[in-house]
PDB file of N, CA and C in Angstrom:
ATOM      1  N   UNK A   1      -7.289 -16.653   5.385  1.00  0.00           N
ATOM      2  CA  UNK A   1      -8.019 -16.112   4.253  1.00  0.00           C
ATOM      3  C   UNK A   1      -8.116 -14.596   4.381  1.00  0.00           C
ATOM      4  N   UNK A   2      -7.978 -13.916   3.267  1.00  0.00           N
ATOM      5  CA  UNK A   2      -8.060 -12.450   3.241  1.00  0.00           C
ATOM      6  C   UNK A   2      -9.501 -12.038   3.006  1.00  0.00           C
ATOM      7  N   UNK A   3      -9.959 -11.077   3.789  1.00  0.00           N
ATOM      8  CA  UNK A   3     -11.305 -10.536   3.610  1.00  0.00           C
ATOM      9  C   UNK A   3     -11.280  -9.594   2.420  1.00  0.00           C
ATOM     10  N   UNK A   4     -12.083  -9.835   1.450  1.00  0.00           N
ATOM     11  CA  UNK A   4     -12.104  -8.991   0.259  1.00  0.00           C
ATOM     12  C   UNK A   4     -13.117  -7.882   0.459  1.00  0.00           C
ATOM     13  N   UNK A   5     -12.697  -6.660   0.214  1.00  0.00           N
ATOM     14  CA  UNK A   5     -13.582  -5.528   0.353  1.00  0.00           C
ATOM     15  C   UNK A   5     -12.796  -4.362   0.942  1.00  0.00           C
ATOM     16  N   UNK A   6     -13.425  -3.177   1.005  1.00  0.00           N
ATOM     17  CA  UNK A   6     -12.742  -2.027   1.594  1.00  0.00           C
ATOM     18  C   UNK A   6     -12.241  -2.369   2.993  1.00  0.00           C
ATOM     19  N   UNK A   7     -11.032  -1.972   3.345  1.00  0.00           N
ATOM     20  CA  UNK A   7     -10.396  -2.385   4.581  1.00  0.00           C
ATOM     21  C   UNK A   7      -9.722  -1.196   5.247  1.00  0.00           C
ATOM     22  N   UNK A   8      -9.750  -1.144   6.572  1.00  0.00           N
ATOM     23  CA  UNK A   8      -9.105  -0.083   7.325  1.00  0.00           C
ATOM     24  C   UNK A   8      -8.084  -0.738   8.261  1.00  0.00           C
ATOM     25  N   UNK A   9      -6.777  -0.675   7.963  1.00  0.00           N
ATOM     26  CA  UNK A   9      -5.790  -1.321   8.783  1.00  0.00           C
ATOM     27  C   UNK A   9      -5.756  -0.795  10.221  1.00  0.00           C
ATOM     28  N   UNK A  10      -6.063   0.454  10.413  1.00  0.00           N
ATOM     29  CA  UNK A  10      -6.032   1.024  11.757  1.00  0.00           C
ATOM     30  C   UNK A  10      -7.110   0.434  12.669  1.00  0.00           C
ATOM     31  N   UNK A  11      -8.223   0.003  12.075  1.00  0.00           N
ATOM     32  CA  UNK A  11      -9.329  -0.533  12.871  1.00  0.00           C
ATOM     33  C   UNK A  11      -9.523  -2.033  12.682  1.00  0.00           C
ATOM     34  N   UNK A  12      -8.743  -2.629  11.755  1.00  0.00           N
ATOM     35  CA  UNK A  12      -8.770  -4.090  11.598  1.00  0.00           C
ATOM     36  C   UNK A  12      -9.982  -4.674  10.920  1.00  0.00           C
ATOM     37  N   UNK A  13     -10.759  -3.867  10.230  1.00  0.00           N
ATOM     38  CA  UNK A  13     -11.935  -4.445   9.594  1.00  0.00           C
ATOM     39  C   UNK A  13     -12.356  -3.677   8.348  1.00  0.00           C
ATOM     40  N   UNK A  14     -13.454  -4.127   7.796  1.00  0.00           N
ATOM     41  CA  UNK A  14     -13.972  -3.504   6.596  1.00  0.00           C
ATOM     42  C   UNK A  14     -14.421  -2.056   6.913  1.00  0.00           C
ATOM     43  N   UNK A  15     -14.090  -1.171   6.055  1.00  0.00           N
ATOM     44  CA  UNK A  15     -14.367   0.259   6.273  1.00  0.00           C
ATOM     45  C   UNK A  15     -14.640   0.858   4.878  1.00  0.00           C
ATOM     46  N   UNK A  16     -15.315   1.954   4.826  1.00  0.00           N
ATOM     47  CA  UNK A  16     -15.585   2.583   3.543  1.00  0.00           C
ATOM     48  C   UNK A  16     -14.274   2.971   2.892  1.00  0.00           C
ATOM     49  N   UNK A  17     -14.246   3.193   1.564  1.00  0.00           N
ATOM     50  CA  UNK A  17     -13.028   3.587   0.892  1.00  0.00           C
ATOM     51  C   UNK A  17     -12.420   4.858   1.510  1.00  0.00           C
ATOM     52  N   UNK A  18     -11.089   4.949   1.472  1.00  0.00           N
ATOM     53  CA  UNK A  18     -10.448   6.105   2.046  1.00  0.00           C
ATOM     54  C   UNK A  18      -9.448   6.720   1.047  1.00  0.00           C
ATOM     55  N   UNK A  19      -9.034   7.935   1.318  1.00  0.00           N
ATOM     56  CA  UNK A  19      -8.166   8.679   0.437  1.00  0.00           C
ATOM     57  C   UNK A  19      -6.778   8.787   1.053  1.00  0.00           C
ATOM     58  N   UNK A  20      -5.746   8.780   0.196  1.00  0.00           N
ATOM     59  CA  UNK A  20      -4.368   8.969   0.668  1.00  0.00           C
ATOM     60  C   UNK A  20      -3.871  10.268   0.044  1.00  0.00           C
ATOM     61  N   UNK A  21      -3.636  11.264   0.865  1.00  0.00           N
ATOM     62  CA  UNK A  21      -3.125  12.569   0.460  1.00  0.00           C
ATOM     63  C   UNK A  21      -3.895  13.191  -0.686  1.00  0.00           C
ATOM     64  N   UNK A  22      -5.161  12.863  -0.801  1.00  0.00           N
ATOM     65  CA  UNK A  22      -5.975  13.407  -1.876  1.00  0.00           C
ATOM     66  C   UNK A  22      -5.567  12.946  -3.274  1.00  0.00           C
ATOM     67  N   UNK A  23      -4.595  12.027  -3.357  1.00  0.00           N
ATOM     68  CA  UNK A  23      -4.091  11.567  -4.657  1.00  0.00           C
ATOM     69  C   UNK A  23      -4.618  10.197  -5.066  1.00  0.00           C
ATOM     70  N   UNK A  24      -4.963   9.361  -4.075  1.00  0.00           N
ATOM     71  CA  UNK A  24      -5.407   8.014  -4.371  1.00  0.00           C
ATOM     72  C   UNK A  24      -6.662   7.696  -3.548  1.00  0.00           C
ATOM     73  N   UNK A  25      -7.672   7.100  -4.180  1.00  0.00           N
ATOM     74  CA  UNK A  25      -8.847   6.619  -3.500  1.00  0.00           C
ATOM     75  C   UNK A  25      -8.707   5.111  -3.411  1.00  0.00           C
ATOM     76  N   UNK A  26      -8.542   4.628  -2.178  1.00  0.00           N
ATOM     77  CA  UNK A  26      -8.334   3.210  -1.943  1.00  0.00           C
ATOM     78  C   UNK A  26      -9.688   2.511  -1.854  1.00  0.00           C
ATOM     79  N   UNK A  27      -9.840   1.427  -2.674  1.00  0.00           N
ATOM     80  CA  UNK A  27     -11.138   0.770  -2.773  1.00  0.00           C
ATOM     81  C   UNK A  27     -11.190  -0.561  -2.057  1.00  0.00           C
ATOM     82  N   UNK A  28     -10.293  -1.498  -2.408  1.00  0.00           N
ATOM     83  CA  UNK A  28     -10.405  -2.850  -1.899  1.00  0.00           C
ATOM     84  C   UNK A  28      -9.090  -3.403  -1.410  1.00  0.00           C
ATOM     85  N   UNK A  29      -9.177  -4.292  -0.438  1.00  0.00           N
ATOM     86  CA  UNK A  29      -7.994  -5.004   0.034  1.00  0.00           C
ATOM     87  C   UNK A  29      -7.734  -6.164  -0.907  1.00  0.00           C
ATOM     88  N   UNK A  30      -6.531  -6.245  -1.466  1.00  0.00           N
ATOM     89  CA  UNK A  30      -6.142  -7.334  -2.361  1.00  0.00           C
ATOM     90  C   UNK A  30      -5.484  -8.453  -1.556  1.00  0.00           C
ATOM     91  N   UNK A  31      -4.555  -8.071  -0.672  1.00  0.00           N
ATOM     92  CA  UNK A  31      -3.826  -9.067   0.102  1.00  0.00           C
ATOM     93  C   UNK A  31      -3.346  -8.459   1.412  1.00  0.00           C
ATOM     94  N   UNK A  32      -3.124  -9.310   2.391  1.00  0.00           N
ATOM     95  CA  UNK A  32      -2.585  -8.897   3.670  1.00  0.00           C
ATOM     96  C   UNK A  32      -1.503  -9.874   4.077  1.00  0.00           C
ATOM     97  N   UNK A  33      -0.325  -9.330   4.423  1.00  0.00           N
ATOM     98  CA  UNK A  33       0.788 -10.174   4.872  1.00  0.00           C
ATOM     99  C   UNK A  33       1.186  -9.766   6.269  1.00  0.00           C
ATOM    100  N   UNK A  34       2.251 -10.360   6.767  1.00  0.00           N
ATOM    101  CA  UNK A  34       2.713 -10.044   8.111  1.00  0.00           C
ATOM    102  C   UNK A  34       3.157  -8.596   8.231  1.00  0.00           C
ATOM    103  N   UNK A  35       3.759  -8.051   7.180  1.00  0.00           N
ATOM    104  CA  UNK A  35       4.357  -6.717   7.262  1.00  0.00           C
ATOM    105  C   UNK A  35       3.540  -5.632   6.578  1.00  0.00           C
ATOM    106  N   UNK A  36       2.626  -6.000   5.676  1.00  0.00           N
ATOM    107  CA  UNK A  36       1.953  -4.978   4.890  1.00  0.00           C
ATOM    108  C   UNK A  36       0.603  -5.428   4.329  1.00  0.00           C
ATOM    109  N   UNK A  37      -0.105  -4.427   3.791  1.00  0.00           N
ATOM    110  CA  UNK A  37      -1.382  -4.632   3.096  1.00  0.00           C
ATOM    111  C   UNK A  37      -1.193  -4.171   1.664  1.00  0.00           C
ATOM    112  N   UNK A  38      -1.874  -4.818   0.719  1.00  0.00           N
ATOM    113  CA  UNK A  38      -1.864  -4.401  -0.670  1.00  0.00           C
ATOM    114  C   UNK A  38      -3.324  -4.091  -1.046  1.00  0.00           C
ATOM    115  N   UNK A  39      -3.546  -2.871  -1.504  1.00  0.00           N
ATOM    116  CA  UNK A  39      -4.875  -2.386  -1.831  1.00  0.00           C
ATOM    117  C   UNK A  39      -5.028  -2.099  -3.301  1.00  0.00           C
ATOM    118  N   UNK A  40      -6.218  -2.265  -3.834  1.00  0.00           N
ATOM    119  CA  UNK A  40      -6.595  -1.762  -5.158  1.00  0.00           C
ATOM    120  C   UNK A  40      -7.085  -0.357  -4.963  1.00  0.00           C
ATOM    121  N   UNK A  41      -6.703   0.543  -5.858  1.00  0.00           N
ATOM    122  CA  UNK A  41      -7.073   1.942  -5.737  1.00  0.00           C
ATOM    123  C   UNK A  41      -7.134   2.582  -7.120  1.00  0.00           C
ATOM    124  N   UNK A  42      -7.470   3.864  -7.134  1.00  0.00           N
ATOM    125  CA  UNK A  42      -7.386   4.608  -8.386  1.00  0.00           C
ATOM    126  C   UNK A  42      -6.822   5.995  -8.101  1.00  0.00           C
ATOM    127  N   UNK A  43      -6.042   6.495  -9.071  1.00  0.00           N
ATOM    128  CA  UNK A  43      -5.433   7.808  -8.932  1.00  0.00           C
ATOM    129  C   UNK A  43      -6.490   8.887  -9.180  1.00  0.00           C
ATOM    130  N   UNK A  44      -6.415   9.944  -8.399  1.00  0.00           N
ATOM    131  CA  UNK A  44      -7.344  11.053  -8.553  1.00  0.00           C
ATOM    132  C   UNK A  44      -6.591  12.193  -9.206  1.00  0.00           C
ATOM    133  N   UNK A  45      -7.092  12.926 -10.173  1.00  0.00           N
ATOM    134  CA  UNK A  45      -8.402  12.794 -10.794  1.00  0.00           C
ATOM    135  C   UNK A  45      -8.384  11.902 -12.043  1.00  0.00           C
ATOM    136  N   UNK A  46      -7.225  11.367 -12.438  1.00  0.00           N
ATOM    137  CA  UNK A  46      -7.088  10.608 -13.689  1.00  0.00           C
ATOM    138  C   UNK A  46      -7.947   9.343 -13.728  1.00  0.00           C
ATOM    139  N   UNK A  47      -8.195   8.753 -12.557  1.00  0.00           N
ATOM    140  CA  UNK A  47      -8.973   7.512 -12.511  1.00  0.00           C
ATOM    141  C   UNK A  47      -8.215   6.265 -12.889  1.00  0.00           C
ATOM    142  N   UNK A  48      -6.894   6.417 -13.084  1.00  0.00           N
ATOM    143  CA  UNK A  48      -6.041   5.263 -13.457  1.00  0.00           C
ATOM    144  C   UNK A  48      -6.003   4.254 -12.314  1.00  0.00           C
ATOM    145  N   UNK A  49      -6.152   2.963 -12.642  1.00  0.00           N
ATOM    146  CA  UNK A  49      -6.115   1.906 -11.645  1.00  0.00           C
ATOM    147  C   UNK A  49      -4.667   1.737 -11.156  1.00  0.00           C
ATOM    148  N   UNK A  50      -4.501   1.653  -9.833  1.00  0.00           N
ATOM    149  CA  UNK A  50      -3.196   1.489  -9.211  1.00  0.00           C
ATOM    150  C   UNK A  50      -3.293   0.516  -8.067  1.00  0.00           C
ATOM    151  N   UNK A  51      -2.155   0.035  -7.598  1.00  0.00           N
ATOM    152  CA  UNK A  51      -2.112  -0.713  -6.334  1.00  0.00           C
ATOM    153  C   UNK A  51      -1.305   0.093  -5.352  1.00  0.00           C
ATOM    154  N   UNK A  52      -1.663  -0.016  -4.083  1.00  0.00           N
ATOM    155  CA  UNK A  52      -1.004   0.728  -3.019  1.00  0.00           C
ATOM    156  C   UNK A  52      -0.589  -0.263  -1.946  1.00  0.00           C
ATOM    157  N   UNK A  53       0.704  -0.235  -1.580  1.00  0.00           N
ATOM    158  CA  UNK A  53       1.190  -1.092  -0.500  1.00  0.00           C
ATOM    159  C   UNK A  53       1.395  -0.221   0.718  1.00  0.00           C
ATOM    160  N   UNK A  54       0.800  -0.648   1.847  1.00  0.00           N
ATOM    161  CA  UNK A  54       0.891   0.073   3.105  1.00  0.00           C
ATOM    162  C   UNK A  54       1.451  -0.816   4.173  1.00  0.00           C
ATOM    163  N   UNK A  55       2.510  -0.350   4.858  1.00  0.00           N
ATOM    164  CA  UNK A  55       3.096  -1.111   5.948  1.00  0.00           C
ATOM    165  C   UNK A  55       2.157  -1.147   7.121  1.00  0.00           C
ATOM    166  N   UNK A  56       2.150  -2.260   7.851  1.00  0.00           N
ATOM    167  CA  UNK A  56       1.411  -2.318   9.110  1.00  0.00           C
ATOM    168  C   UNK A  56       2.143  -1.384  10.098  1.00  0.00           C
ATOM    169  N   UNK A  57       1.414  -0.798  11.011  1.00  0.00           N
ATOM    170  CA  UNK A  57       2.007   0.109  11.962  1.00  0.00           C
ATOM    171  C   UNK A  57       2.934  -0.655  12.919  1.00  0.00           C
ATOM    172  N   UNK A  58       4.242  -0.351  12.911  1.00  0.00           N
ATOM    173  CA  UNK A  58       5.175  -1.052  13.771  1.00  0.00           C
ATOM    174  C   UNK A  58       5.245  -0.439  15.161  1.00  0.00           C
ATOM    175  N   UNK A  59       5.601  -1.248  16.154  1.00  0.00           N
ATOM    176  CA  UNK A  59       5.867  -0.721  17.489  1.00  0.00           C
ATOM    177  C   UNK A  59       7.304  -0.244  17.482  1.00  0.00           C
ATOM    178  N   UNK A  60       7.518   1.048  17.723  1.00  0.00           N
ATOM    179  CA  UNK A  60       8.878   1.588  17.646  1.00  0.00           C
ATOM    180  C   UNK A  60       9.000   2.871  18.433  1.00  0.00           C
ATOM    181  N   UNK A  61      10.231   3.248  18.703  1.00  0.00           N
ATOM    182  CA  UNK A  61      10.486   4.510  19.366  1.00  0.00           C
ATOM    183  C   UNK A  61      10.197   5.643  18.400  1.00  0.00           C
ATOM    184  N   UNK A  62       9.745   6.750  18.883  1.00  0.00           N
ATOM    185  CA  UNK A  62       9.423   7.914  18.042  1.00  0.00           C
ATOM    186  C   UNK A  62      10.627   8.309  17.186  1.00  0.00           C
ATOM    187  N   UNK A  63      10.417   8.434  15.885  1.00  0.00           N
ATOM    188  CA  UNK A  63      11.453   8.855  14.975  1.00  0.00           C
ATOM    189  C   UNK A  63      12.369   7.728  14.490  1.00  0.00           C
ATOM    190  N   UNK A  64      12.298   6.565  15.100  1.00  0.00           N
ATOM    191  CA  UNK A  64      13.166   5.457  14.699  1.00  0.00           C
ATOM    192  C   UNK A  64      12.608   4.819  13.421  1.00  0.00           C
ATOM    193  N   UNK A  65      13.499   4.347  12.580  1.00  0.00           N
ATOM    194  CA  UNK A  65      13.115   3.657  11.347  1.00  0.00           C
ATOM    195  C   UNK A  65      13.315   2.162  11.599  1.00  0.00           C
ATOM    196  N   UNK A  66      12.249   1.398  11.404  1.00  0.00           N
ATOM    197  CA  UNK A  66      12.325  -0.034  11.666  1.00  0.00           C
ATOM    198  C   UNK A  66      13.002  -0.786  10.499  1.00  0.00           C
ATOM    199  N   UNK A  67      13.389  -2.007  10.794  1.00  0.00           N
ATOM    200  CA  UNK A  67      13.964  -2.862   9.744  1.00  0.00           C
ATOM    201  C   UNK A  67      12.954  -3.072   8.600  1.00  0.00           C
ATOM    202  N   UNK A  68      11.676  -3.243   8.944  1.00  0.00           N
ATOM    203  CA  UNK A  68      10.648  -3.427   7.926  1.00  0.00           C
ATOM    204  C   UNK A  68      10.532  -2.193   7.018  1.00  0.00           C
ATOM    205  N   UNK A  69      10.638  -1.008   7.616  1.00  0.00           N
ATOM    206  CA  UNK A  69      10.566   0.207   6.817  1.00  0.00           C
ATOM    207  C   UNK A  69      11.773   0.329   5.898  1.00  0.00           C
ATOM    208  N   UNK A  70      12.939  -0.027   6.399  1.00  0.00           N
ATOM    209  CA  UNK A  70      14.153   0.005   5.573  1.00  0.00           C
ATOM    210  C   UNK A  70      14.040  -0.971   4.394  1.00  0.00           C
ATOM    211  N   UNK A  71      13.528  -2.171   4.673  1.00  0.00           N
ATOM    212  CA  UNK A  71      13.340  -3.198   3.640  1.00  0.00           C
ATOM    213  C   UNK A  71      12.328  -2.690   2.600  1.00  0.00           C
ATOM    214  N   UNK A  72      11.234  -2.075   3.072  1.00  0.00           N
ATOM    215  CA  UNK A  72      10.212  -1.527   2.192  1.00  0.00           C
ATOM    216  C   UNK A  72      10.789  -0.496   1.240  1.00  0.00           C
ATOM    217  N   UNK A  73      11.636   0.412   1.765  1.00  0.00           N
ATOM    218  CA  UNK A  73      12.255   1.457   0.944  1.00  0.00           C
ATOM    219  C   UNK A  73      13.254   0.850  -0.057  1.00  0.00           C
ATOM    220  N   UNK A  74      14.009  -0.151   0.370  1.00  0.00           N
ATOM    221  CA  UNK A  74      14.934  -0.845  -0.557  1.00  0.00           C
ATOM    222  C   UNK A  74      14.159  -1.507  -1.707  1.00  0.00           C
ATOM    223  N   UNK A  75      13.068  -2.210  -1.346  1.00  0.00           N
ATOM    224  CA  UNK A  75      12.233  -2.869  -2.361  1.00  0.00           C
ATOM    225  C   UNK A  75      11.640  -1.873  -3.326  1.00  0.00           C
ATOM    226  N   UNK A  76      11.153  -0.741  -2.798  1.00  0.00           N
ATOM    227  CA  UNK A  76      10.568   0.294  -3.661  1.00  0.00           C
ATOM    228  C   UNK A  76      11.590   0.848  -4.627  1.00  0.00           C
ATOM    229  N   UNK A  77      12.817   1.103  -4.149  1.00  0.00           N
ATOM    230  CA  UNK A  77      13.876   1.626  -5.029  1.00  0.00           C
ATOM    231  C   UNK A  77      14.229   0.624  -6.107  1.00  0.00           C
ATOM    232  N   UNK A  78      14.316  -0.652  -5.743  1.00  0.00           N
ATOM    233  CA  UNK A  78      14.652  -1.700  -6.730  1.00  0.00           C
ATOM    234  C   UNK A  78      13.547  -1.825  -7.789  1.00  0.00           C
ATOM    235  N   UNK A  79      12.287  -1.793  -7.350  1.00  0.00           N
ATOM    236  CA  UNK A  79      11.176  -1.878  -8.296  1.00  0.00           C
ATOM    237  C   UNK A  79      11.103  -0.665  -9.228  1.00  0.00           C
ATOM    238  N   UNK A  80      11.374   0.497  -8.689  1.00  0.00           N
ATOM    239  CA  UNK A  80      11.308   1.731  -9.471  1.00  0.00           C
ATOM    240  C   UNK A  80      12.396   1.728 -10.573  1.00  0.00           C
ATOM    241  N   UNK A  81      13.473   0.976 -10.370  1.00  0.00           N
ATOM    242  CA  UNK A  81      14.553   0.931 -11.331  1.00  0.00           C
ATOM    243  C   UNK A  81      14.244  -0.022 -12.513  1.00  0.00           C
ATOM    244  N   UNK A  82      13.209  -0.857 -12.370  1.00  0.00           N
ATOM    245  CA  UNK A  82      12.843  -1.797 -13.429  1.00  0.00           C
ATOM    246  C   UNK A  82      11.908  -1.147 -14.441  1.00  0.00           C
ATOM    247  N   UNK A  83      12.119  -1.472 -15.723  1.00  0.00           N
ATOM    248  CA  UNK A  83      11.252  -0.966 -16.753  1.00  0.00           C
ATOM    249  C   UNK A  83      11.046  -2.076 -17.792  1.00  0.00           C
ATOM    250  N   UNK A  84       9.811  -2.556 -17.913  1.00  0.00           N
ATOM    251  CA  UNK A  84       9.500  -3.607 -18.861  1.00  0.00           C
ATOM    252  C   UNK A  84       7.984  -3.615 -19.075  1.00  0.00           C
ATOM    253  N   UNK A  85       7.567  -4.025 -20.246  1.00  0.00           N
ATOM    254  CA  UNK A  85       6.124  -4.051 -20.566  1.00  0.00           C
ATOM    255  C   UNK A  85       5.303  -4.938 -19.608  1.00  0.00           C
ATOM    256  N   UNK A  86       5.930  -5.909 -19.018  1.00  0.00           N
ATOM    257  CA  UNK A  86       5.218  -6.859 -18.174  1.00  0.00           C
ATOM    258  C   UNK A  86       5.439  -6.610 -16.695  1.00  0.00           C
ATOM    259  N   UNK A  87       5.978  -5.436 -16.351  1.00  0.00           N
ATOM    260  CA  UNK A  87       6.178  -5.058 -14.931  1.00  0.00           C
ATOM    261  C   UNK A  87       5.426  -3.764 -14.699  1.00  0.00           C
ATOM    262  N   UNK A  88       4.623  -3.730 -13.646  1.00  0.00           N
ATOM    263  CA  UNK A  88       3.848  -2.516 -13.316  1.00  0.00           C
ATOM    264  C   UNK A  88       4.799  -1.361 -12.980  1.00  0.00           C
ATOM    265  N   UNK A  89       4.448  -0.170 -13.450  1.00  0.00           N
ATOM    266  CA  UNK A  89       5.270   1.013 -13.154  1.00  0.00           C
ATOM    267  C   UNK A  89       5.171   1.331 -11.664  1.00  0.00           C
ATOM    268  N   UNK A  90       6.302   1.770 -11.111  1.00  0.00           N
ATOM    269  CA  UNK A  90       6.369   2.159  -9.696  1.00  0.00           C
ATOM    270  C   UNK A  90       6.794   3.596  -9.614  1.00  0.00           C
ATOM    271  N   UNK A  91       6.107   4.389  -8.812  1.00  0.00           N
ATOM    272  CA  UNK A  91       6.517   5.795  -8.608  1.00  0.00           C
ATOM    273  C   UNK A  91       6.085   6.235  -7.256  1.00  0.00           C
TER     274      UNK A  91
END
């Protein structure tokens, strides 16, 4: 079961909301999988509701790109290429 509420993947538990690059205020954990977390957030300063997917920190050599990171980037590129009224915009 996923714990619903503000979540900090670095510390493994509920934590106050956090900001990503000053562009997104992350509010709640929506889902957690083996490879990533999906959060509800809002864009700053527009306030537009967004979702943010964050990979779990992999064990790797410095500078190396993991298979999970490569898959994440491929998925992001494929989603960004889709445009339809019933598909969330990706950027």
